[in-house]
């Protein structure tokens, strides 16, 4: 997050051999970190916790509002039902978690 303000880290997960960091981010020029029109969830990936590669915004505001606090997880068994065509391994874990 090389520009704008960064707030709470909302998820640090290890997945597929990489660390994924999700956090609140005010990325629009002139916006403050608490600005409801500008807060999104940023996403960065690193293989050893340093350095990090910045990825496109992970969560944007939608009809339900602004993504402030939350958590990032790997839902190995599709408990939330968000994977529409789950492919499962013999142990019940997803081959294609999101």
PDB file of N, CA and C in Angstrom:
ATOM      1  N   UNK A   1       0.830  -1.136   0.000  1.00  0.00           N
ATOM      2  CA  UNK A   1       0.000   0.000   0.000  1.00  0.00           C
ATOM      3  C   UNK A   1       0.899   1.230   0.000  1.00  0.00           C
ATOM      4  N   UNK A   2       1.361   1.542  -1.149  1.00  0.00           N
ATOM      5  CA  UNK A   2       2.366   2.604  -1.287  1.00  0.00           C
ATOM      6  C   UNK A   2       1.765   3.996  -1.269  1.00  0.00           C
ATOM      7  N   UNK A   3       0.448   4.103  -1.273  1.00  0.00           N
ATOM      8  CA  UNK A   3      -0.206   5.408  -1.267  1.00  0.00           C
ATOM      9  C   UNK A   3      -1.434   5.319  -0.382  1.00  0.00           C
ATOM     10  N   UNK A   4      -1.846   6.439   0.146  1.00  0.00           N
ATOM     11  CA  UNK A   4      -3.024   6.464   1.003  1.00  0.00           C
ATOM     12  C   UNK A   4      -2.699   5.970   2.408  1.00  0.00           C
ATOM     13  N   UNK A   5      -3.723   5.803   3.211  1.00  0.00           N
ATOM     14  CA  UNK A   5      -3.538   5.367   4.595  1.00  0.00           C
ATOM     15  C   UNK A   5      -3.873   3.900   4.754  1.00  0.00           C
ATOM     16  N   UNK A   6      -3.229   3.246   5.699  1.00  0.00           N
ATOM     17  CA  UNK A   6      -3.530   1.840   5.962  1.00  0.00           C
ATOM     18  C   UNK A   6      -3.993   1.712   7.408  1.00  0.00           C
ATOM     19  N   UNK A   7      -5.040   0.927   7.623  1.00  0.00           N
ATOM     20  CA  UNK A   7      -5.591   0.703   8.952  1.00  0.00           C
ATOM     21  C   UNK A   7      -5.279  -0.695   9.433  1.00  0.00           C
ATOM     22  N   UNK A   8      -6.251  -1.291  10.126  1.00  0.00           N
ATOM     23  CA  UNK A   8      -6.052  -2.608  10.736  1.00  0.00           C
ATOM     24  C   UNK A   8      -5.709  -3.687   9.719  1.00  0.00           C
ATOM     25  N   UNK A   9      -4.789  -4.583  10.079  1.00  0.00           N
ATOM     26  CA  UNK A   9      -4.662  -5.807   9.295  1.00  0.00           C
ATOM     27  C   UNK A   9      -5.859  -6.685   9.634  1.00  0.00           C
ATOM     28  N   UNK A  10      -6.553  -7.182   8.620  1.00  0.00           N
ATOM     29  CA  UNK A  10      -7.764  -7.972   8.844  1.00  0.00           C
ATOM     30  C   UNK A  10      -7.564  -9.453   8.595  1.00  0.00           C
ATOM     31  N   UNK A  11      -6.469  -9.832   8.076  1.00  0.00           N
ATOM     32  CA  UNK A  11      -6.230 -11.251   7.859  1.00  0.00           C
ATOM     33  C   UNK A  11      -4.811 -11.486   7.392  1.00  0.00           C
ATOM     34  N   UNK A  12      -4.157 -12.401   8.042  1.00  0.00           N
ATOM     35  CA  UNK A  12      -2.843 -12.850   7.600  1.00  0.00           C
ATOM     36  C   UNK A  12      -2.942 -14.361   7.550  1.00  0.00           C
ATOM     37  N   UNK A  13      -2.963 -14.906   6.346  1.00  0.00           N
ATOM     38  CA  UNK A  13      -3.115 -16.351   6.177  1.00  0.00           C
ATOM     39  C   UNK A  13      -1.966 -16.907   5.343  1.00  0.00           C
ATOM     40  N   UNK A  14      -1.626 -18.154   5.599  1.00  0.00           N
ATOM     41  CA  UNK A  14      -0.622 -18.868   4.824  1.00  0.00           C
ATOM     42  C   UNK A  14      -1.373 -19.823   3.910  1.00  0.00           C
ATOM     43  N   UNK A  15      -1.197 -19.670   2.598  1.00  0.00           N
ATOM     44  CA  UNK A  15      -1.935 -20.476   1.631  1.00  0.00           C
ATOM     45  C   UNK A  15      -1.072 -20.680   0.398  1.00  0.00           C
ATOM     46  N   UNK A  16      -0.969 -21.925  -0.042  1.00  0.00           N
ATOM     47  CA  UNK A  16      -0.233 -22.244  -1.268  1.00  0.00           C
ATOM     48  C   UNK A  16       1.233 -21.843  -1.214  1.00  0.00           C
ATOM     49  N   UNK A  17       1.848 -21.918  -0.035  1.00  0.00           N
ATOM     50  CA  UNK A  17       3.257 -21.586   0.089  1.00  0.00           C
ATOM     51  C   UNK A  17       3.552 -20.102   0.174  1.00  0.00           C
ATOM     52  N   UNK A  18       2.514 -19.269   0.328  1.00  0.00           N
ATOM     53  CA  UNK A  18       2.702 -17.824   0.408  1.00  0.00           C
ATOM     54  C   UNK A  18       1.877 -17.248   1.555  1.00  0.00           C
ATOM     55  N   UNK A  19       2.343 -16.118   2.090  1.00  0.00           N
ATOM     56  CA  UNK A  19       1.600 -15.381   3.105  1.00  0.00           C
ATOM     57  C   UNK A  19       0.745 -14.330   2.410  1.00  0.00           C
ATOM     58  N   UNK A  20      -0.524 -14.258   2.793  1.00  0.00           N
ATOM     59  CA  UNK A  20      -1.450 -13.266   2.241  1.00  0.00           C
ATOM     60  C   UNK A  20      -1.840 -12.313   3.355  1.00  0.00           C
ATOM     61  N   UNK A  21      -1.697 -11.019   3.105  1.00  0.00           N
ATOM     62  CA  UNK A  21      -2.069  -9.989   4.055  1.00  0.00           C
ATOM     63  C   UNK A  21      -3.245  -9.204   3.493  1.00  0.00           C
ATOM     64  N   UNK A  22      -4.310  -9.094   4.263  1.00  0.00           N
ATOM     65  CA  UNK A  22      -5.458  -8.266   3.919  1.00  0.00           C
ATOM     66  C   UNK A  22      -5.569  -7.186   4.991  1.00  0.00           C
ATOM     67  N   UNK A  23      -5.860  -5.962   4.601  1.00  0.00           N
ATOM     68  CA  UNK A  23      -5.982  -4.895   5.584  1.00  0.00           C
ATOM     69  C   UNK A  23      -6.770  -3.723   5.048  1.00  0.00           C
ATOM     70  N   UNK A  24      -7.330  -2.933   5.964  1.00  0.00           N
ATOM     71  CA  UNK A  24      -8.082  -1.743   5.585  1.00  0.00           C
ATOM     72  C   UNK A  24      -7.138  -0.736   4.938  1.00  0.00           C
ATOM     73  N   UNK A  25      -7.625  -0.084   3.897  1.00  0.00           N
ATOM     74  CA  UNK A  25      -6.775   0.822   3.135  1.00  0.00           C
ATOM     75  C   UNK A  25      -7.624   1.935   2.543  1.00  0.00           C
ATOM     76  N   UNK A  26      -7.232   3.183   2.773  1.00  0.00           N
ATOM     77  CA  UNK A  26      -7.863   4.340   2.122  1.00  0.00           C
ATOM     78  C   UNK A  26      -6.966   4.707   0.952  1.00  0.00           C
ATOM     79  N   UNK A  27      -7.363   4.314  -0.237  1.00  0.00           N
ATOM     80  CA  UNK A  27      -6.448   4.440  -1.370  1.00  0.00           C
ATOM     81  C   UNK A  27      -6.727   5.598  -2.311  1.00  0.00           C
ATOM     82  N   UNK A  28      -7.850   6.290  -2.164  1.00  0.00           N
ATOM     83  CA  UNK A  28      -8.139   7.390  -3.072  1.00  0.00           C
ATOM     84  C   UNK A  28      -7.416   8.647  -2.623  1.00  0.00           C
ATOM     85  N   UNK A  29      -6.888   9.378  -3.572  1.00  0.00           N
ATOM     86  CA  UNK A  29      -6.127  10.577  -3.259  1.00  0.00           C
ATOM     87  C   UNK A  29      -7.013  11.579  -2.525  1.00  0.00           C
ATOM     88  N   UNK A  30      -6.510  12.122  -1.438  1.00  0.00           N
ATOM     89  CA  UNK A  30      -7.248  13.120  -0.680  1.00  0.00           C
ATOM     90  C   UNK A  30      -8.193  12.528   0.351  1.00  0.00           C
ATOM     91  N   UNK A  31      -8.322  11.218   0.413  1.00  0.00           N
ATOM     92  CA  UNK A  31      -9.222  10.579   1.381  1.00  0.00           C
ATOM     93  C   UNK A  31      -8.469  10.307   2.674  1.00  0.00           C
ATOM     94  N   UNK A  32      -9.211  10.289   3.775  1.00  0.00           N
ATOM     95  CA  UNK A  32      -8.564   9.913   5.026  1.00  0.00           C
ATOM     96  C   UNK A  32      -8.883   8.469   5.340  1.00  0.00           C
ATOM     97  N   UNK A  33      -8.166   7.882   6.284  1.00  0.00           N
ATOM     98  CA  UNK A  33      -8.287   6.455   6.581  1.00  0.00           C
ATOM     99  C   UNK A  33      -9.672   6.066   7.053  1.00  0.00           C
ATOM    100  N   UNK A  34     -10.444   7.015   7.593  1.00  0.00           N
ATOM    101  CA  UNK A  34     -11.785   6.697   8.083  1.00  0.00           C
ATOM    102  C   UNK A  34     -12.869   7.057   7.073  1.00  0.00           C
ATOM    103  N   UNK A  35     -12.489   7.539   5.901  1.00  0.00           N
ATOM    104  CA  UNK A  35     -13.465   7.971   4.909  1.00  0.00           C
ATOM    105  C   UNK A  35     -14.268   6.806   4.357  1.00  0.00           C
ATOM    106  N   UNK A  36     -15.574   6.832   4.548  1.00  0.00           N
ATOM    107  CA  UNK A  36     -16.393   5.692   4.139  1.00  0.00           C
ATOM    108  C   UNK A  36     -16.389   5.488   2.635  1.00  0.00           C
ATOM    109  N   UNK A  37     -16.212   6.559   1.858  1.00  0.00           N
ATOM    110  CA  UNK A  37     -16.231   6.411   0.406  1.00  0.00           C
ATOM    111  C   UNK A  37     -14.925   5.846  -0.136  1.00  0.00           C
ATOM    112  N   UNK A  38     -13.909   5.714   0.724  1.00  0.00           N
ATOM    113  CA  UNK A  38     -12.605   5.346   0.207  1.00  0.00           C
ATOM    114  C   UNK A  38     -12.001   4.084   0.830  1.00  0.00           C
ATOM    115  N   UNK A  39     -12.632   3.525   1.854  1.00  0.00           N
ATOM    116  CA  UNK A  39     -12.018   2.389   2.530  1.00  0.00           C
ATOM    117  C   UNK A  39     -12.292   1.094   1.776  1.00  0.00           C
ATOM    118  N   UNK A  40     -11.228   0.336   1.516  1.00  0.00           N
ATOM    119  CA  UNK A  40     -11.301  -0.960   0.833  1.00  0.00           C
ATOM    120  C   UNK A  40     -10.406  -1.925   1.602  1.00  0.00           C
ATOM    121  N   UNK A  41     -10.378  -3.169   1.191  1.00  0.00           N
ATOM    122  CA  UNK A  41      -9.416  -4.124   1.740  1.00  0.00           C
ATOM    123  C   UNK A  41      -8.292  -4.297   0.738  1.00  0.00           C
ATOM    124  N   UNK A  42      -7.086  -3.979   1.158  1.00  0.00           N
ATOM    125  CA  UNK A  42      -5.909  -4.176   0.326  1.00  0.00           C
ATOM    126  C   UNK A  42      -5.475  -5.642   0.425  1.00  0.00           C
ATOM    127  N   UNK A  43      -4.648  -6.068  -0.521  1.00  0.00           N
ATOM    128  CA  UNK A  43      -4.160  -7.453  -0.552  1.00  0.00           C
ATOM    129  C   UNK A  43      -2.699  -7.434  -0.986  1.00  0.00           C
ATOM    130  N   UNK A  44      -1.846  -8.066  -0.198  1.00  0.00           N
ATOM    131  CA  UNK A  44      -0.431  -8.202  -0.548  1.00  0.00           C
ATOM    132  C   UNK A  44      -0.005  -9.640  -0.265  1.00  0.00           C
ATOM    133  N   UNK A  45       0.987 -10.120  -1.016  1.00  0.00           N
ATOM    134  CA  UNK A  45       1.468 -11.498  -0.885  1.00  0.00           C
ATOM    135  C   UNK A  45       2.984 -11.483  -0.731  1.00  0.00           C
ATOM    136  N   UNK A  46       3.485 -12.337   0.154  1.00  0.00           N
ATOM    137  CA  UNK A  46       4.924 -12.484   0.341  1.00  0.00           C
ATOM    138  C   UNK A  46       5.273 -13.940   0.611  1.00  0.00           C
ATOM    139  N   UNK A  47       6.443 -14.356   0.178  1.00  0.00           N
ATOM    140  CA  UNK A  47       6.852 -15.747   0.389  1.00  0.00           C
ATOM    141  C   UNK A  47       7.573 -15.947   1.716  1.00  0.00           C
ATOM    142  N   UNK A  48       8.132 -14.859   2.273  1.00  0.00           N
ATOM    143  CA  UNK A  48       8.895 -14.982   3.517  1.00  0.00           C
ATOM    144  C   UNK A  48       8.614 -13.830   4.485  1.00  0.00           C
ATOM    145  N   UNK A  49       7.496 -13.181   4.336  1.00  0.00           N
ATOM    146  CA  UNK A  49       7.063 -12.032   5.131  1.00  0.00           C
ATOM    147  C   UNK A  49       7.832 -10.754   4.824  1.00  0.00           C
ATOM    148  N   UNK A  50       8.806 -10.815   3.909  1.00  0.00           N
ATOM    149  CA  UNK A  50       9.509  -9.626   3.468  1.00  0.00           C
ATOM    150  C   UNK A  50      10.262  -9.959   2.200  1.00  0.00           C
ATOM    151  N   UNK A  51      10.125  -9.286   1.104  1.00  0.00           N
ATOM    152  CA  UNK A  51       9.219  -8.177   0.850  1.00  0.00           C
ATOM    153  C   UNK A  51       7.831  -8.664   0.442  1.00  0.00           C
ATOM    154  N   UNK A  52       6.910  -7.738   0.288  1.00  0.00           N
ATOM    155  CA  UNK A  52       5.531  -8.044  -0.094  1.00  0.00           C
ATOM    156  C   UNK A  52       5.263  -7.539  -1.501  1.00  0.00           C
ATOM    157  N   UNK A  53       4.430  -8.266  -2.248  1.00  0.00           N
ATOM    158  CA  UNK A  53       4.001  -7.837  -3.578  1.00  0.00           C
ATOM    159  C   UNK A  53       2.550  -7.388  -3.471  1.00  0.00           C
ATOM    160  N   UNK A  54       2.302  -6.153  -3.877  1.00  0.00           N
ATOM    161  CA  UNK A  54       0.952  -5.597  -3.785  1.00  0.00           C
ATOM    162  C   UNK A  54       0.059  -6.167  -4.897  1.00  0.00           C
ATOM    163  N   UNK A  55      -1.162  -6.555  -4.538  1.00  0.00           N
ATOM    164  CA  UNK A  55      -2.133  -7.103  -5.487  1.00  0.00           C
ATOM    165  C   UNK A  55      -3.319  -6.163  -5.611  1.00  0.00           C
ATOM    166  N   UNK A  56      -4.200  -6.376  -6.597  1.00  0.00           N
ATOM    167  CA  UNK A  56      -5.379  -5.520  -6.714  1.00  0.00           C
ATOM    168  C   UNK A  56      -6.229  -5.574  -5.441  1.00  0.00           C
ATOM    169  N   UNK A  57      -7.039  -4.556  -5.270  1.00  0.00           N
ATOM    170  CA  UNK A  57      -7.930  -4.464  -4.117  1.00  0.00           C
ATOM    171  C   UNK A  57      -8.738  -5.748  -3.972  1.00  0.00           C
ATOM    172  N   UNK A  58      -8.826  -6.257  -2.737  1.00  0.00           N
ATOM    173  CA  UNK A  58      -9.509  -7.527  -2.479  1.00  0.00           C
ATOM    174  C   UNK A  58     -10.997  -7.348  -2.213  1.00  0.00           C
ATOM    175  N   UNK A  59     -11.400  -6.310  -1.488  1.00  0.00           N
ATOM    176  CA  UNK A  59     -12.810  -6.103  -1.143  1.00  0.00           C
ATOM    177  C   UNK A  59     -13.139  -4.624  -1.307  1.00  0.00           C
ATOM    178  N   UNK A  60     -14.143  -4.338  -2.128  1.00  0.00           N
ATOM    179  CA  UNK A  60     -14.591  -2.968  -2.388  1.00  0.00           C
ATOM    180  C   UNK A  60     -15.919  -2.712  -1.685  1.00  0.00           C
ATOM    181  N   UNK A  61     -16.277  -1.440  -1.483  1.00  0.00           N
ATOM    182  CA  UNK A  61     -17.615  -1.150  -0.962  1.00  0.00           C
ATOM    183  C   UNK A  61     -18.666  -1.694  -1.930  1.00  0.00           C
ATOM    184  N   UNK A  62     -19.803  -2.127  -1.393  1.00  0.00           N
ATOM    185  CA  UNK A  62     -20.898  -2.608  -2.235  1.00  0.00           C
ATOM    186  C   UNK A  62     -22.220  -2.120  -1.657  1.00  0.00           C
ATOM    187  N   UNK A  63     -23.333  -2.706  -2.094  1.00  0.00           N
ATOM    188  CA  UNK A  63     -24.656  -2.258  -1.641  1.00  0.00           C
ATOM    189  C   UNK A  63     -24.851  -2.454  -0.138  1.00  0.00           C
ATOM    190  N   UNK A  64     -24.031  -3.306   0.487  1.00  0.00           N
ATOM    191  CA  UNK A  64     -24.137  -3.536   1.930  1.00  0.00           C
ATOM    192  C   UNK A  64     -23.299  -2.552   2.732  1.00  0.00           C
ATOM    193  N   UNK A  65     -22.426  -1.794   2.067  1.00  0.00           N
ATOM    194  CA  UNK A  65     -21.636  -0.797   2.759  1.00  0.00           C
ATOM    195  C   UNK A  65     -20.154  -0.908   2.514  1.00  0.00           C
ATOM    196  N   UNK A  66     -19.414  -0.366   3.460  1.00  0.00           N
ATOM    197  CA  UNK A  66     -17.959  -0.257   3.356  1.00  0.00           C
ATOM    198  C   UNK A  66     -17.300  -1.390   4.145  1.00  0.00           C
ATOM    199  N   UNK A  67     -16.275  -2.022   3.578  1.00  0.00           N
ATOM    200  CA  UNK A  67     -15.599  -3.120   4.283  1.00  0.00           C
ATOM    201  C   UNK A  67     -14.610  -2.616   5.326  1.00  0.00           C
ATOM    202  N   UNK A  68     -15.077  -2.447   6.553  1.00  0.00           N
ATOM    203  CA  UNK A  68     -14.172  -2.040   7.622  1.00  0.00           C
ATOM    204  C   UNK A  68     -13.562  -3.287   8.235  1.00  0.00           C
ATOM    205  N   UNK A  69     -13.873  -3.589   9.446  1.00  0.00           N
ATOM    206  CA  UNK A  69     -13.241  -4.697  10.143  1.00  0.00           C
ATOM    207  C   UNK A  69     -13.743  -6.048   9.633  1.00  0.00           C
ATOM    208  N   UNK A  70     -12.948  -7.076   9.835  1.00  0.00           N
ATOM    209  CA  UNK A  70     -13.320  -8.411   9.384  1.00  0.00           C
ATOM    210  C   UNK A  70     -12.172  -9.369   9.607  1.00  0.00           C
ATOM    211  N   UNK A  71     -12.144 -10.423   8.811  1.00  0.00           N
ATOM    212  CA  UNK A  71     -11.097 -11.417   8.952  1.00  0.00           C
ATOM    213  C   UNK A  71     -10.897 -12.138   7.633  1.00  0.00           C
ATOM    214  N   UNK A  72      -9.682 -12.585   7.395  1.00  0.00           N
ATOM    215  CA  UNK A  72      -9.368 -13.375   6.213  1.00  0.00           C
ATOM    216  C   UNK A  72      -9.069 -14.804   6.629  1.00  0.00           C
ATOM    217  N   UNK A  73      -9.662 -15.763   5.941  1.00  0.00           N
ATOM    218  CA  UNK A  73      -9.460 -17.176   6.260  1.00  0.00           C
ATOM    219  C   UNK A  73      -9.409 -17.983   4.971  1.00  0.00           C
ATOM    220  N   UNK A  74      -8.901 -19.210   5.052  1.00  0.00           N
ATOM    221  CA  UNK A  74      -8.999 -20.172   3.959  1.00  0.00           C
ATOM    222  C   UNK A  74     -10.080 -21.159   4.381  1.00  0.00           C
ATOM    223  N   UNK A  75     -11.166 -21.197   3.632  1.00  0.00           N
ATOM    224  CA  UNK A  75     -12.315 -22.048   3.955  1.00  0.00           C
ATOM    225  C   UNK A  75     -12.140 -23.394   3.249  1.00  0.00           C
ATOM    226  N   UNK A  76     -11.316 -24.268   3.833  1.00  0.00           N
ATOM    227  CA  UNK A  76     -10.945 -25.540   3.206  1.00  0.00           C
ATOM    228  C   UNK A  76     -12.131 -26.445   2.906  1.00  0.00           C
ATOM    229  N   UNK A  77     -13.216 -26.356   3.664  1.00  0.00           N
ATOM    230  CA  UNK A  77     -14.350 -27.274   3.465  1.00  0.00           C
ATOM    231  C   UNK A  77     -15.585 -26.571   2.911  1.00  0.00           C
ATOM    232  N   UNK A  78     -15.431 -25.336   2.423  1.00  0.00           N
ATOM    233  CA  UNK A  78     -16.526 -24.567   1.849  1.00  0.00           C
ATOM    234  C   UNK A  78     -17.675 -24.399   2.846  1.00  0.00           C
ATOM    235  N   UNK A  79     -17.338 -24.203   4.099  1.00  0.00           N
ATOM    236  CA  UNK A  79     -18.336 -24.038   5.149  1.00  0.00           C
ATOM    237  C   UNK A  79     -19.262 -22.868   4.860  1.00  0.00           C
ATOM    238  N   UNK A  80     -18.733 -21.792   4.294  1.00  0.00           N
ATOM    239  CA  UNK A  80     -19.541 -20.622   3.976  1.00  0.00           C
ATOM    240  C   UNK A  80     -20.362 -20.818   2.703  1.00  0.00           C
ATOM    241  N   UNK A  81     -20.048 -21.839   1.908  1.00  0.00           N
ATOM    242  CA  UNK A  81     -20.793 -22.093   0.673  1.00  0.00           C
ATOM    243  C   UNK A  81     -20.486 -21.107  -0.445  1.00  0.00           C
ATOM    244  N   UNK A  82     -19.346 -20.449  -0.391  1.00  0.00           N
ATOM    245  CA  UNK A  82     -19.006 -19.439  -1.400  1.00  0.00           C
ATOM    246  C   UNK A  82     -18.394 -20.013  -2.672  1.00  0.00           C
ATOM    247  N   UNK A  83     -17.878 -21.233  -2.628  1.00  0.00           N
ATOM    248  CA  UNK A  83     -17.336 -21.870  -3.833  1.00  0.00           C
ATOM    249  C   UNK A  83     -18.492 -22.577  -4.527  1.00  0.00           C
ATOM    250  N   UNK A  84     -18.835 -22.124  -5.728  1.00  0.00           N
ATOM    251  CA  UNK A  84     -20.032 -22.632  -6.410  1.00  0.00           C
ATOM    252  C   UNK A  84     -19.861 -24.034  -6.985  1.00  0.00           C
ATOM    253  N   UNK A  85     -18.671 -24.392  -7.412  1.00  0.00           N
ATOM    254  CA  UNK A  85     -18.419 -25.730  -7.958  1.00  0.00           C
ATOM    255  C   UNK A  85     -17.257 -26.371  -7.218  1.00  0.00           C
ATOM    256  N   UNK A  86     -17.455 -26.741  -5.948  1.00  0.00           N
ATOM    257  CA  UNK A  86     -16.329 -27.261  -5.171  1.00  0.00           C
ATOM    258  C   UNK A  86     -15.825 -28.601  -5.680  1.00  0.00           C
ATOM    259  N   UNK A  87     -14.513 -28.729  -5.736  1.00  0.00           N
ATOM    260  CA  UNK A  87     -13.865 -29.988  -6.070  1.00  0.00           C
ATOM    261  C   UNK A  87     -13.161 -30.435  -4.793  1.00  0.00           C
ATOM    262  N   UNK A  88     -13.570 -31.586  -4.234  1.00  0.00           N
ATOM    263  CA  UNK A  88     -13.036 -32.023  -2.946  1.00  0.00           C
ATOM    264  C   UNK A  88     -12.040 -33.163  -3.094  1.00  0.00           C
ATOM    265  N   UNK A  89     -11.061 -33.147  -2.175  1.00  0.00           N
ATOM    266  CA  UNK A  89     -10.111 -34.245  -2.074  1.00  0.00           C
ATOM    267  C   UNK A  89     -10.738 -35.332  -1.201  1.00  0.00           C
ATOM    268  N   UNK A  90     -10.091 -36.472  -1.081  1.00  0.00           N
ATOM    269  CA  UNK A  90     -10.616 -37.588  -0.286  1.00  0.00           C
ATOM    270  C   UNK A  90     -10.795 -37.216   1.188  1.00  0.00           C
ATOM    271  N   UNK A  91      -9.973 -36.290   1.709  1.00  0.00           N
ATOM    272  CA  UNK A  91     -10.064 -35.886   3.111  1.00  0.00           C
ATOM    273  C   UNK A  91     -11.146 -34.823   3.354  1.00  0.00           C
ATOM    274  N   UNK A  92     -11.891 -34.448   2.332  1.00  0.00           N
ATOM    275  CA  UNK A  92     -12.963 -33.470   2.463  1.00  0.00           C
ATOM    276  C   UNK A  92     -12.544 -32.027   2.232  1.00  0.00           C
ATOM    277  N   UNK A  93     -11.231 -31.779   2.120  1.00  0.00           N
ATOM    278  CA  UNK A  93     -10.762 -30.416   1.866  1.00  0.00           C
ATOM    279  C   UNK A  93     -10.938 -30.080   0.389  1.00  0.00           C
ATOM    280  N   UNK A  94     -11.134 -28.792   0.111  1.00  0.00           N
ATOM    281  CA  UNK A  94     -11.302 -28.343  -1.254  1.00  0.00           C
ATOM    282  C   UNK A  94      -9.961 -28.338  -1.986  1.00  0.00           C
ATOM    283  N   UNK A  95     -10.008 -28.705  -3.268  1.00  0.00           N
ATOM    284  CA  UNK A  95      -8.842 -28.570  -4.133  1.00  0.00           C
ATOM    285  C   UNK A  95      -8.747 -27.143  -4.635  1.00  0.00           C
ATOM    286  N   UNK A  96      -9.895 -26.442  -4.656  1.00  0.00           N
ATOM    287  CA  UNK A  96      -9.947 -25.086  -5.217  1.00  0.00           C
ATOM    288  C   UNK A  96     -10.575 -24.094  -4.234  1.00  0.00           C
ATOM    289  N   UNK A  97     -10.007 -23.935  -3.013  1.00  0.00           N
ATOM    290  CA  UNK A  97     -10.607 -22.965  -2.085  1.00  0.00           C
ATOM    291  C   UNK A  97     -10.403 -21.537  -2.574  1.00  0.00           C
ATOM    292  N   UNK A  98     -11.281 -20.638  -2.140  1.00  0.00           N
ATOM    293  CA  UNK A  98     -11.169 -19.222  -2.528  1.00  0.00           C
ATOM    294  C   UNK A  98     -11.092 -18.375  -1.299  1.00  0.00           C
TER     295      UNK A  98
END
